[in-house]
Protein backbone atom coordinates (compact mmCIF):
# COMPACT_ATOMS: atom_id res chain seq x y z
CA MET A 1 -75.02 63.53 26.08
CA LYS A 2 -72.31 65.85 27.82
CA THR A 3 -68.87 64.50 27.93
CA ALA A 4 -67.39 64.32 31.41
CA ILE A 5 -64.56 66.66 31.89
CA ASN A 6 -62.00 67.35 34.74
CA ILE A 7 -61.11 71.21 35.62
CA VAL A 8 -57.54 72.28 36.80
CA TRP A 9 -57.91 75.63 38.19
CA PHE A 10 -54.41 77.70 37.77
CA GLU A 11 -54.06 80.53 40.35
CA GLN A 12 -50.76 81.25 41.96
CA ASP A 13 -49.06 78.12 40.29
CA LEU A 14 -48.56 79.15 36.81
CA ARG A 15 -46.34 76.28 35.40
CA LEU A 16 -46.41 72.94 34.16
CA SER A 17 -43.57 71.13 36.11
CA ASP A 18 -44.04 70.29 39.89
CA ASN A 19 -47.43 71.33 39.84
CA PRO A 20 -49.20 68.63 41.63
CA ALA A 21 -52.68 69.85 40.83
CA PHE A 22 -52.01 70.04 37.05
CA THR A 23 -50.36 66.44 37.27
CA ALA A 24 -53.46 64.97 38.89
CA ALA A 25 -55.84 66.48 36.58
CA VAL A 26 -53.89 65.31 33.41
CA SER A 27 -53.80 61.92 35.07
CA GLN A 28 -57.84 61.89 34.27
CA GLY A 29 -57.67 62.61 30.60
CA SER A 30 -58.68 65.63 28.63
CA ILE A 31 -59.09 68.64 30.78
CA LEU A 32 -60.66 72.31 31.00
CA PRO A 33 -57.82 74.47 32.22
CA ILE A 34 -58.82 77.61 33.86
CA TYR A 35 -57.70 81.20 35.23
CA ILE A 36 -60.30 83.21 37.17
CA LEU A 37 -59.34 86.76 38.04
CA ASP A 38 -61.14 87.13 41.17
CA ASN A 39 -60.89 90.82 42.58
CA GLU A 40 -64.28 90.61 43.83
CA ASN A 41 -63.25 88.54 47.06
CA ALA A 42 -59.75 90.06 47.32
CA GLY A 43 -61.18 93.53 48.51
CA GLU A 44 -58.37 95.82 49.77
CA HIS A 45 -55.80 93.01 48.93
CA ARG A 46 -56.70 93.08 45.08
CA LEU A 47 -53.50 92.82 42.60
CA GLY A 48 -51.48 95.96 42.57
CA GLY A 49 -50.56 97.31 39.39
CA ALA A 50 -46.96 96.39 39.18
CA SER A 51 -48.09 92.67 40.05
CA SER A 52 -50.84 92.92 37.69
CA TRP A 53 -48.37 93.41 34.82
CA TRP A 54 -46.44 90.64 36.15
CA LEU A 55 -49.53 88.24 36.06
CA HIS A 56 -50.53 88.95 32.27
CA HIS A 57 -47.30 88.10 31.06
CA SER A 58 -46.89 85.00 33.29
CA LEU A 59 -50.39 83.98 32.04
CA ALA A 60 -49.41 84.61 28.56
CA ALA A 61 -46.35 82.49 28.96
CA LEU A 62 -48.21 79.70 30.57
CA ASN A 63 -51.10 79.94 27.66
CA SER A 64 -48.15 79.66 25.08
CA THR A 65 -46.83 76.62 26.48
CA MET A 66 -50.17 75.04 26.88
CA ASN A 67 -51.02 75.76 23.06
CA GLY A 68 -53.41 79.04 23.95
CA LYS A 69 -56.03 76.36 25.75
CA ILE A 70 -56.46 78.15 29.16
CA ASN A 71 -59.95 79.95 29.66
CA PHE A 72 -59.92 83.11 31.28
CA TYR A 73 -62.74 84.27 33.54
CA LYS A 74 -63.28 87.56 35.60
CA GLY A 75 -65.79 87.85 38.63
CA ASP A 76 -66.54 85.99 41.73
CA ALA A 77 -64.81 82.28 41.68
CA SER A 78 -67.72 80.55 43.45
CA SER A 79 -70.20 81.74 40.68
CA ILE A 80 -68.12 81.17 37.50
CA ILE A 81 -67.41 77.51 38.90
CA THR A 82 -70.87 76.93 39.68
CA ASP A 83 -71.92 78.36 36.28
CA ILE A 84 -69.38 76.16 34.45
CA CYS A 85 -70.42 72.77 36.66
CA ARG A 86 -74.08 74.05 35.49
CA ARG A 87 -72.94 74.05 31.58
CA PHE A 88 -70.53 70.94 31.74
CA LYS A 89 -70.63 67.46 33.21
CA VAL A 90 -67.69 68.08 35.68
CA THR A 91 -66.51 64.95 37.50
CA GLY A 92 -63.51 66.93 39.43
CA ILE A 93 -61.89 70.04 39.92
CA TYR A 94 -58.17 70.23 40.94
CA TRP A 95 -56.30 73.31 42.28
CA ASN A 96 -53.15 73.79 44.56
CA ARG A 97 -53.84 75.51 47.79
CA ARG A 98 -53.56 79.40 48.51
CA TYR A 99 -52.80 80.86 52.03
CA GLU A 100 -54.21 84.35 51.99
CA PRO A 101 -57.09 84.64 54.41
CA TRP A 102 -59.60 85.68 51.83
CA ARG A 103 -58.48 82.67 49.32
CA ILE A 104 -58.86 80.14 52.44
CA SER A 105 -62.60 81.18 53.15
CA ARG A 106 -63.63 81.17 49.41
CA ASP A 107 -62.03 77.99 48.70
CA LYS A 108 -63.29 76.08 51.63
CA LYS A 109 -66.59 77.29 50.55
CA ILE A 110 -65.97 76.28 46.96
CA LYS A 111 -64.89 72.79 47.92
CA GLN A 112 -68.15 72.36 50.10
CA GLN A 113 -70.35 73.10 47.34
CA LEU A 114 -68.47 71.01 44.95
CA LEU A 115 -68.58 67.98 47.29
CA ALA A 116 -72.38 68.56 48.03
CA LYS A 117 -72.91 68.16 44.13
CA ASN A 118 -70.76 64.57 44.26
CA ILE A 119 -67.94 66.38 42.12
CA HIS A 120 -64.48 65.34 43.06
CA ALA A 121 -62.72 68.50 44.74
CA GLN A 122 -58.75 68.11 45.63
CA SER A 123 -56.59 70.64 46.64
CA PHE A 124 -52.77 70.34 46.61
CA ASN A 125 -49.46 71.78 48.27
CA GLY A 126 -47.82 73.31 45.26
CA SER A 127 -46.44 76.67 46.71
CA LEU A 128 -44.55 75.66 50.10
CA LEU A 129 -42.11 73.41 51.33
CA LYS A 130 -44.17 72.77 54.61
CA GLU A 131 -47.76 73.95 55.14
CA PRO A 132 -48.36 76.32 58.16
CA TRP A 133 -50.50 73.52 60.11
CA THR A 134 -47.73 71.11 60.30
CA ILE A 135 -45.11 72.67 62.47
CA LEU A 136 -46.39 73.34 65.81
CA LYS A 137 -44.80 73.65 69.64
CA ASN A 138 -45.41 70.54 71.62
CA ASP A 139 -48.66 72.39 73.33
CA ARG A 140 -49.94 72.56 69.62
CA THR A 141 -49.69 76.25 69.38
CA PRO A 142 -48.03 78.12 66.48
CA TYR A 143 -44.43 79.58 67.04
CA LYS A 144 -43.89 83.24 67.09
CA ILE A 145 -40.31 83.42 66.58
CA PHE A 146 -38.26 82.29 63.52
CA THR A 147 -35.54 80.44 65.14
CA PRO A 148 -37.20 77.58 67.01
CA TYR A 149 -39.62 77.42 63.95
CA TYR A 150 -36.95 77.02 61.59
CA ARG A 151 -35.32 74.67 63.87
CA GLN A 152 -38.24 72.55 63.99
CA ALA A 153 -39.10 72.81 60.31
CA SER A 154 -35.66 71.44 59.37
CA MET A 155 -36.49 68.27 61.23
CA ILE A 156 -39.24 67.49 59.03
CA ASP A 157 -38.31 65.82 56.02
CA THR A 158 -39.66 67.09 52.79
CA ASP A 159 -36.55 66.48 50.43
CA THR A 160 -39.02 64.71 48.02
CA GLU A 161 -37.99 65.17 44.35
CA ALA A 162 -39.94 67.74 42.29
CA LEU A 163 -42.56 66.17 39.89
CA PRO A 164 -41.81 66.49 36.09
CA ALA A 165 -44.18 68.20 33.79
CA PRO A 166 -46.68 65.55 32.49
CA GLN A 167 -47.43 65.27 28.84
CA LEU A 168 -50.21 67.69 27.65
CA PRO A 169 -53.31 65.74 26.93
CA GLU A 170 -54.23 65.25 23.19
CA SER A 171 -57.39 67.09 23.58
CA PHE A 172 -58.39 70.20 25.81
CA HIS A 173 -62.09 71.39 26.45
CA THR A 174 -62.91 74.60 25.56
CA ASP A 175 -65.60 77.22 27.14
CA SER A 176 -67.25 79.53 24.50
CA GLN A 177 -68.34 81.82 27.37
CA ALA A 178 -64.64 82.18 28.54
CA ILE A 179 -62.58 85.66 27.87
CA SER A 180 -59.76 86.67 26.25
CA LEU A 181 -56.40 87.43 28.36
CA ASP A 182 -56.56 91.17 27.28
CA ALA A 183 -60.24 91.23 28.41
CA LEU A 184 -58.94 90.70 31.97
CA SER A 185 -57.40 94.21 31.83
CA LEU A 186 -54.41 93.52 33.66
CA LEU A 187 -51.64 95.65 32.17
CA PRO A 188 -51.51 99.38 33.64
CA LYS A 189 -53.00 102.33 31.72
CA ILE A 190 -50.70 105.01 32.32
CA GLY A 191 -47.64 103.23 30.58
CA TRP A 192 -45.47 103.55 33.61
CA ASP A 193 -44.52 99.71 33.14
CA ALA A 194 -42.49 100.92 30.46
CA ASN A 195 -39.10 99.98 31.93
CA PHE A 196 -40.53 96.55 33.32
CA TYR A 197 -39.89 94.99 30.03
CA ASN A 198 -36.33 95.81 30.40
CA CYS A 199 -35.62 94.14 33.83
CA TRP A 200 -38.10 91.14 33.81
CA THR A 201 -39.21 88.28 31.62
CA PRO A 202 -42.32 86.47 33.28
CA GLY A 203 -42.86 82.69 32.90
CA GLU A 204 -41.89 79.22 34.04
CA SER A 205 -38.68 79.22 31.55
CA SER A 206 -37.43 82.38 32.63
CA ALA A 207 -37.81 81.44 36.38
CA ARG A 208 -35.55 78.33 35.90
CA SER A 209 -33.25 80.53 33.80
CA SER A 210 -33.02 82.96 36.82
CA LEU A 211 -32.58 80.22 39.21
CA HIS A 212 -29.82 78.66 36.98
CA LYS A 213 -28.24 82.27 36.68
CA PHE A 214 -28.09 82.84 40.31
CA LEU A 215 -26.70 79.66 41.22
CA GLY A 216 -23.81 79.82 38.70
CA ASN A 217 -23.15 83.76 39.65
CA GLY A 218 -24.84 85.00 42.62
CA LEU A 219 -24.83 82.24 45.49
CA GLU A 220 -21.07 82.09 46.03
CA ASN A 221 -21.11 85.47 47.28
CA TYR A 222 -24.72 85.60 48.59
CA LYS A 223 -24.45 85.67 52.59
CA GLU A 224 -22.06 88.84 52.29
CA GLY A 225 -23.12 90.26 49.02
CA ARG A 226 -26.81 90.48 49.50
CA ASP A 227 -26.36 93.52 51.73
CA PHE A 228 -25.04 95.35 48.88
CA PRO A 229 -27.26 96.84 46.35
CA ALA A 230 -24.98 97.44 43.39
CA LEU A 231 -23.83 93.96 43.45
CA LYS A 232 -25.88 91.19 41.63
CA ALA A 233 -25.68 88.74 44.64
CA VAL A 234 -29.79 88.59 45.15
CA SER A 235 -31.74 85.90 43.33
CA THR A 236 -34.52 87.97 42.13
CA LEU A 237 -36.68 84.89 42.40
CA SER A 238 -39.30 86.56 44.36
CA PRO A 239 -41.96 87.21 41.82
CA HIS A 240 -41.40 83.87 39.76
CA LEU A 241 -41.90 82.30 43.36
CA HIS A 242 -44.95 84.60 44.02
CA PHE A 243 -46.74 83.60 41.04
CA GLY A 244 -45.70 79.85 41.51
CA GLU A 245 -43.55 80.05 38.00
CA ILE A 246 -41.02 78.04 39.95
CA SER A 247 -41.63 76.27 43.49
CA PRO A 248 -39.66 76.11 46.55
CA ARG A 249 -39.49 72.33 45.97
CA GLN A 250 -37.84 72.84 42.74
CA ILE A 251 -35.23 75.02 43.97
CA ASN A 252 -34.64 72.79 46.87
CA THR A 253 -34.09 69.95 44.54
CA THR A 254 -31.71 72.02 42.45
CA LEU A 255 -29.74 73.13 45.54
CA LEU A 256 -28.98 69.20 46.08
CA SER A 257 -26.35 69.54 43.46
CA VAL A 258 -24.71 72.39 44.84
CA PRO A 259 -21.78 71.82 47.67
CA ASP A 260 -22.79 72.86 51.13
CA ASP A 261 -21.44 76.04 52.79
CA ASN A 262 -22.70 79.32 54.21
CA ASN A 263 -24.10 80.99 51.34
CA LYS A 264 -26.23 77.55 50.36
CA GLU A 265 -27.29 77.66 53.95
CA HIS A 266 -28.07 81.49 54.15
CA PHE A 267 -30.00 81.15 50.99
CA LYS A 268 -31.86 78.12 52.30
CA ARG A 269 -32.65 79.96 55.58
CA GLU A 270 -34.08 83.13 53.26
CA LEU A 271 -36.63 80.76 51.53
CA ASN A 272 -37.66 79.77 54.97
CA TRP A 273 -38.31 83.16 56.13
CA ARG A 274 -40.70 83.22 53.18
CA GLU A 275 -42.47 79.94 54.51
CA PHE A 276 -42.35 81.71 57.83
CA SER A 277 -44.26 84.84 56.56
CA TYR A 278 -47.03 82.51 55.13
CA TYR A 279 -46.94 80.77 58.68
CA LEU A 280 -47.85 83.97 60.36
CA LEU A 281 -50.46 84.70 57.95
CA PHE A 282 -52.33 81.43 58.17
CA HIS A 283 -52.07 81.63 62.17
CA TRP A 284 -52.82 85.14 62.44
CA PRO A 285 -54.68 86.35 59.40
CA GLU A 286 -54.98 90.03 60.80
CA LEU A 287 -51.48 90.30 60.14
CA PRO A 288 -51.76 92.91 56.99
CA ASN A 289 -53.97 95.19 59.16
CA LYS A 290 -53.38 94.67 62.76
CA ASN A 291 -50.74 95.25 64.73
CA PHE A 292 -49.07 91.78 66.38
CA LYS A 293 -47.94 93.58 69.45
CA THR A 294 -51.20 95.11 70.30
CA HIS A 295 -49.81 98.22 72.44
CA PHE A 296 -48.49 99.57 69.25
CA ASP A 297 -52.52 100.52 68.61
CA ASN A 298 -51.56 103.46 70.93
CA PHE A 299 -48.77 104.45 68.83
CA PRO A 300 -49.20 108.42 67.68
CA TRP A 301 -48.54 108.06 64.11
CA ASN A 302 -47.90 111.11 62.06
CA LYS A 303 -50.61 111.82 59.66
CA ASN A 304 -48.61 113.89 57.08
CA PRO A 305 -49.79 113.24 53.17
CA ASP A 306 -47.02 115.54 52.09
CA PHE A 307 -44.61 113.40 53.81
CA LEU A 308 -45.80 110.12 52.53
CA ALA A 309 -45.97 111.38 49.00
CA ARG A 310 -42.44 112.81 48.98
CA TRP A 311 -41.36 109.41 50.33
CA GLN A 312 -43.38 107.50 47.45
CA GLN A 313 -41.61 109.88 44.91
CA GLY A 314 -38.14 109.53 46.22
CA LEU A 315 -37.90 112.94 47.22
CA THR A 316 -37.11 112.95 51.06
CA GLY A 317 -33.49 114.75 50.26
CA TYR A 318 -31.90 111.40 51.82
CA PRO A 319 -30.07 109.66 48.71
CA MET A 320 -30.07 106.24 49.88
CA VAL A 321 -33.88 106.53 50.63
CA ASP A 322 -34.69 108.25 47.19
CA ALA A 323 -32.66 105.78 45.03
CA GLY A 324 -34.75 102.81 46.71
CA MET A 325 -38.12 104.41 45.82
CA ARG A 326 -37.32 105.30 42.31
CA GLU A 327 -35.76 101.97 41.83
CA LEU A 328 -39.17 100.59 43.08
CA TRP A 329 -41.13 103.18 40.48
CA LYS A 330 -38.89 102.26 37.62
CA THR A 331 -38.31 98.55 38.11
CA GLY A 332 -40.96 97.17 40.16
CA PHE A 333 -38.54 95.84 42.45
CA MET A 334 -36.21 96.84 45.22
CA HIS A 335 -33.21 95.49 46.65
CA ASN A 336 -34.01 93.91 49.98
CA ARG A 337 -31.27 95.90 52.19
CA VAL A 338 -32.58 98.96 50.88
CA ARG A 339 -36.28 97.82 51.32
CA MET A 340 -35.49 97.73 55.27
CA ILE A 341 -33.80 101.37 54.77
CA THR A 342 -36.52 102.95 53.41
CA ALA A 343 -39.37 101.16 55.49
CA SER A 344 -37.27 102.35 58.39
CA PHE A 345 -37.18 105.83 57.31
CA LEU A 346 -40.91 105.90 56.66
CA VAL A 347 -41.92 104.26 59.91
CA LYS A 348 -39.49 105.96 62.42
CA ASN A 349 -38.21 109.37 60.90
CA LEU A 350 -41.46 110.21 59.30
CA LEU A 351 -43.57 108.24 61.89
CA ILE A 352 -45.90 107.37 59.28
CA ASP A 353 -48.07 104.38 59.97
CA TRP A 354 -46.65 101.03 58.44
CA ARG A 355 -49.77 99.76 56.85
CA LEU A 356 -49.55 102.79 54.35
CA GLY A 357 -46.04 102.00 53.54
CA ALA A 358 -47.07 98.22 52.94
CA ARG A 359 -49.96 99.42 50.66
CA TRP A 360 -47.57 101.23 48.59
CA PHE A 361 -45.22 98.43 48.27
CA PHE A 362 -47.89 96.01 47.49
CA ASP A 363 -48.96 98.20 44.67
CA CYS A 364 -45.84 98.96 42.84
CA LEU A 365 -43.87 95.64 43.51
CA VAL A 366 -43.91 92.94 40.85
CA ASP A 367 -43.33 90.57 43.78
CA ALA A 368 -46.07 92.00 45.76
CA ASP A 369 -46.79 89.19 48.33
CA LEU A 370 -49.60 89.52 50.85
CA ALA A 371 -47.75 87.26 53.54
CA SER A 372 -43.97 88.49 52.92
CA ASN A 373 -44.99 92.38 52.81
CA SER A 374 -46.92 92.24 55.74
CA ALA A 375 -44.25 90.25 58.22
CA SER A 376 -41.56 92.35 56.67
CA TRP A 377 -43.31 95.69 57.37
CA GLN A 378 -44.27 94.54 60.81
CA TRP A 379 -40.97 93.52 61.46
CA VAL A 380 -39.21 96.70 60.69
CA ALA A 381 -41.83 98.59 62.51
CA GLY A 382 -41.02 96.60 65.75
CA CYS A 383 -45.01 95.62 66.20
CA GLY A 384 -44.66 92.31 64.50
CA THR A 385 -43.70 88.71 65.89
CA ASP A 386 -40.02 88.04 66.07
CA ALA A 387 -39.78 91.78 65.07
CA SER A 388 -36.64 94.02 65.05
CA PRO A 389 -36.34 96.30 67.97
CA TYR A 390 -38.14 99.25 67.76
CA PHE A 391 -34.74 101.40 68.72
CA ARG A 392 -32.94 99.56 65.83
CA ILE A 393 -33.39 102.78 63.40
CA PHE A 394 -31.40 102.68 60.03
CA ASN A 395 -29.59 105.86 59.67
CA PRO A 396 -30.15 106.29 55.59
CA VAL A 397 -26.71 108.22 55.64
CA THR A 398 -24.29 105.77 57.38
CA GLN A 399 -26.37 102.89 55.69
CA GLY A 400 -25.43 104.29 52.24
CA GLU A 401 -21.91 104.97 53.28
CA LYS A 402 -21.44 101.48 54.37
CA PHE A 403 -23.28 99.50 51.52
CA ASP A 404 -22.86 101.70 48.54
CA SER A 405 -19.73 103.14 49.42
CA GLN A 406 -18.89 104.01 45.76
CA GLY A 407 -22.31 105.18 45.03
CA ILE A 408 -22.86 102.93 41.98
CA TYR A 409 -26.52 102.05 42.97
CA THR A 410 -27.44 105.34 44.31
CA LYS A 411 -26.15 107.34 41.27
CA HIS A 412 -27.87 104.82 38.84
CA TYR A 413 -31.42 105.98 40.31
CA LEU A 414 -30.42 109.60 41.08
CA PRO A 415 -28.74 110.66 37.85
CA GLU A 416 -28.96 114.42 39.37
CA LEU A 417 -26.39 113.42 41.84
CA LYS A 418 -24.13 111.73 39.74
CA ASP A 419 -21.13 114.51 39.60
CA LEU A 420 -21.03 114.75 43.45
CA PRO A 421 -18.25 113.55 45.15
CA THR A 422 -19.02 110.23 46.97
CA LYS A 423 -17.83 111.95 50.34
CA TYR A 424 -20.85 114.02 50.13
CA LEU A 425 -23.05 111.59 47.99
CA PHE A 426 -25.32 110.69 51.15
CA ARG A 427 -25.21 114.00 52.94
CA PRO A 428 -25.59 116.41 50.15
CA TRP A 429 -26.41 119.53 52.45
CA GLU A 430 -22.97 119.00 53.90
CA ALA A 431 -21.17 119.90 50.59
CA PRO A 432 -19.52 123.08 50.28
CA PRO A 433 -21.31 125.62 47.89
CA GLU A 434 -18.63 125.50 45.10
CA ILE A 435 -18.63 121.58 45.07
CA LEU A 436 -22.36 121.57 44.70
CA LYS A 437 -22.05 124.32 42.13
CA GLU A 438 -19.58 122.03 40.04
CA ALA A 439 -21.91 119.02 40.42
CA ASN A 440 -24.68 121.34 38.83
CA ILE A 441 -26.67 120.84 42.09
CA THR A 442 -29.15 123.52 43.58
CA LEU A 443 -30.34 122.10 46.84
CA GLY A 444 -34.12 122.45 47.09
CA GLN A 445 -34.33 122.61 43.23
CA SER A 446 -32.54 120.18 41.42
CA TYR A 447 -32.47 117.88 44.64
CA PRO A 448 -34.67 118.39 47.59
CA LEU A 449 -33.43 119.33 50.93
CA PRO A 450 -33.99 116.82 53.80
CA ILE A 451 -37.35 116.78 55.06
CA VAL A 452 -36.58 115.96 58.43
CA ASP A 453 -33.49 116.00 60.69
CA ILE A 454 -32.21 112.23 61.59
CA LYS A 455 -31.14 112.87 64.66
CA GLU A 456 -34.35 114.94 65.84
CA SER A 457 -36.61 112.54 63.77
CA ARG A 458 -34.84 109.61 65.71
CA ALA A 459 -35.29 111.12 69.15
CA LYS A 460 -39.11 111.70 68.26
CA ALA A 461 -39.33 108.24 67.17
CA LEU A 462 -37.74 106.84 70.79
CA ASP A 463 -39.86 109.31 72.66
CA ALA A 464 -42.97 107.86 70.93
CA TYR A 465 -42.01 104.51 71.53
CA GLU A 466 -41.42 104.90 75.18
CA MET A 467 -44.87 106.73 75.50
CA THR A 468 -46.56 103.64 73.76
CA LYS A 469 -44.51 101.14 76.22
CA ASN A 470 -45.98 102.82 78.86
CA PHE A 471 -49.58 101.92 77.53
CA ARG A 472 -48.23 98.26 77.71
CA ASN A 473 -47.19 98.69 81.03
CA HIS A 474 -50.34 99.93 82.56
């Protein structure tokens, strides 16, 4: 006779503490822990290369904490769960809710199938402070602007304590048909991730360490310092948050012991920007592919594969842009201020469709997150809700001079410019020939000439926007 079992299904909640699904499953006794790599349903939103690397090591860390008891699978989650239920006497399945559109539809279908078989199916909020359907205007429609959304969200009390990690059960169930973690084939084949190991340690323990390190060293200068990429004033918690190695509730709980000031308030506001991105994706599931402001559908994007490739490779001739793109390739991360500069340059100076930039970031970022990535690119492009005005065009020269005045960040990622005086660092084409020679720079060879003129490309962008606005007015 088969033993009754309960399943805990991990996905973007790779931790044991403050994990409501795991806590609920363990309370039922012995469990079968599972992880399913479901790229079949993800379609164009399947994991990128950098986040696949992170996922592999995050799963390895979680599996180690659970004494190697996670059962791994690859394929359509609905079919795999149906097969497990056929082979085992499953009485309940527990998971934490996900908010990407494809996951919502898939999980609804799975829950209906389980309930039809009299299998208890229960999902929990393990990823957000407040779920998207809990914050609505008086007319029950969703907010489109962050500030009123944040004001309303702040009025809803969610200051509940984070759950402690439960005791691991004495016995786990195992499935002989599960595969190994390595068989998920998550690690890049070409070895471009070599430097990631120097930059990151995925896993729940590392996430907690990163939070405490930030609270000890970075938070005190967060509001001002977060704009300067050479400073260590950002939390770097985004990949840990995306994969659920730490929850926003755990961060909030920890912040309760930190004295109130502008830095703490600004950090909490940024956490709520993440929440707002999920909110937008939930209420407008077409956010990753469609302009929120539909008149942008008429925008005359420039189809220029060469420009796109040079932007991707950090070869635009604008050092602040190139440093950011090389940081991205080398580390799987990019400083927030530089993300805005590089994105603005692609969309507004090269006139390349924001969706192409979003795809590149999604593939190269260890913190690639469909909600945050889509909302942020639409914000920069000016076509999203609560967007930066289109005419706000970041000048990569003045941005570099203002936010990396000593050139520490830029020269780190562009060593070919290390001997160029900072006076010319962000505009090397203006350096006299003798200065370039002394710095061993030959423009067009050791470092590229600018691919567009900043002033001319800005004027073209504004003209294109005016034309697009006229479509809206007709």
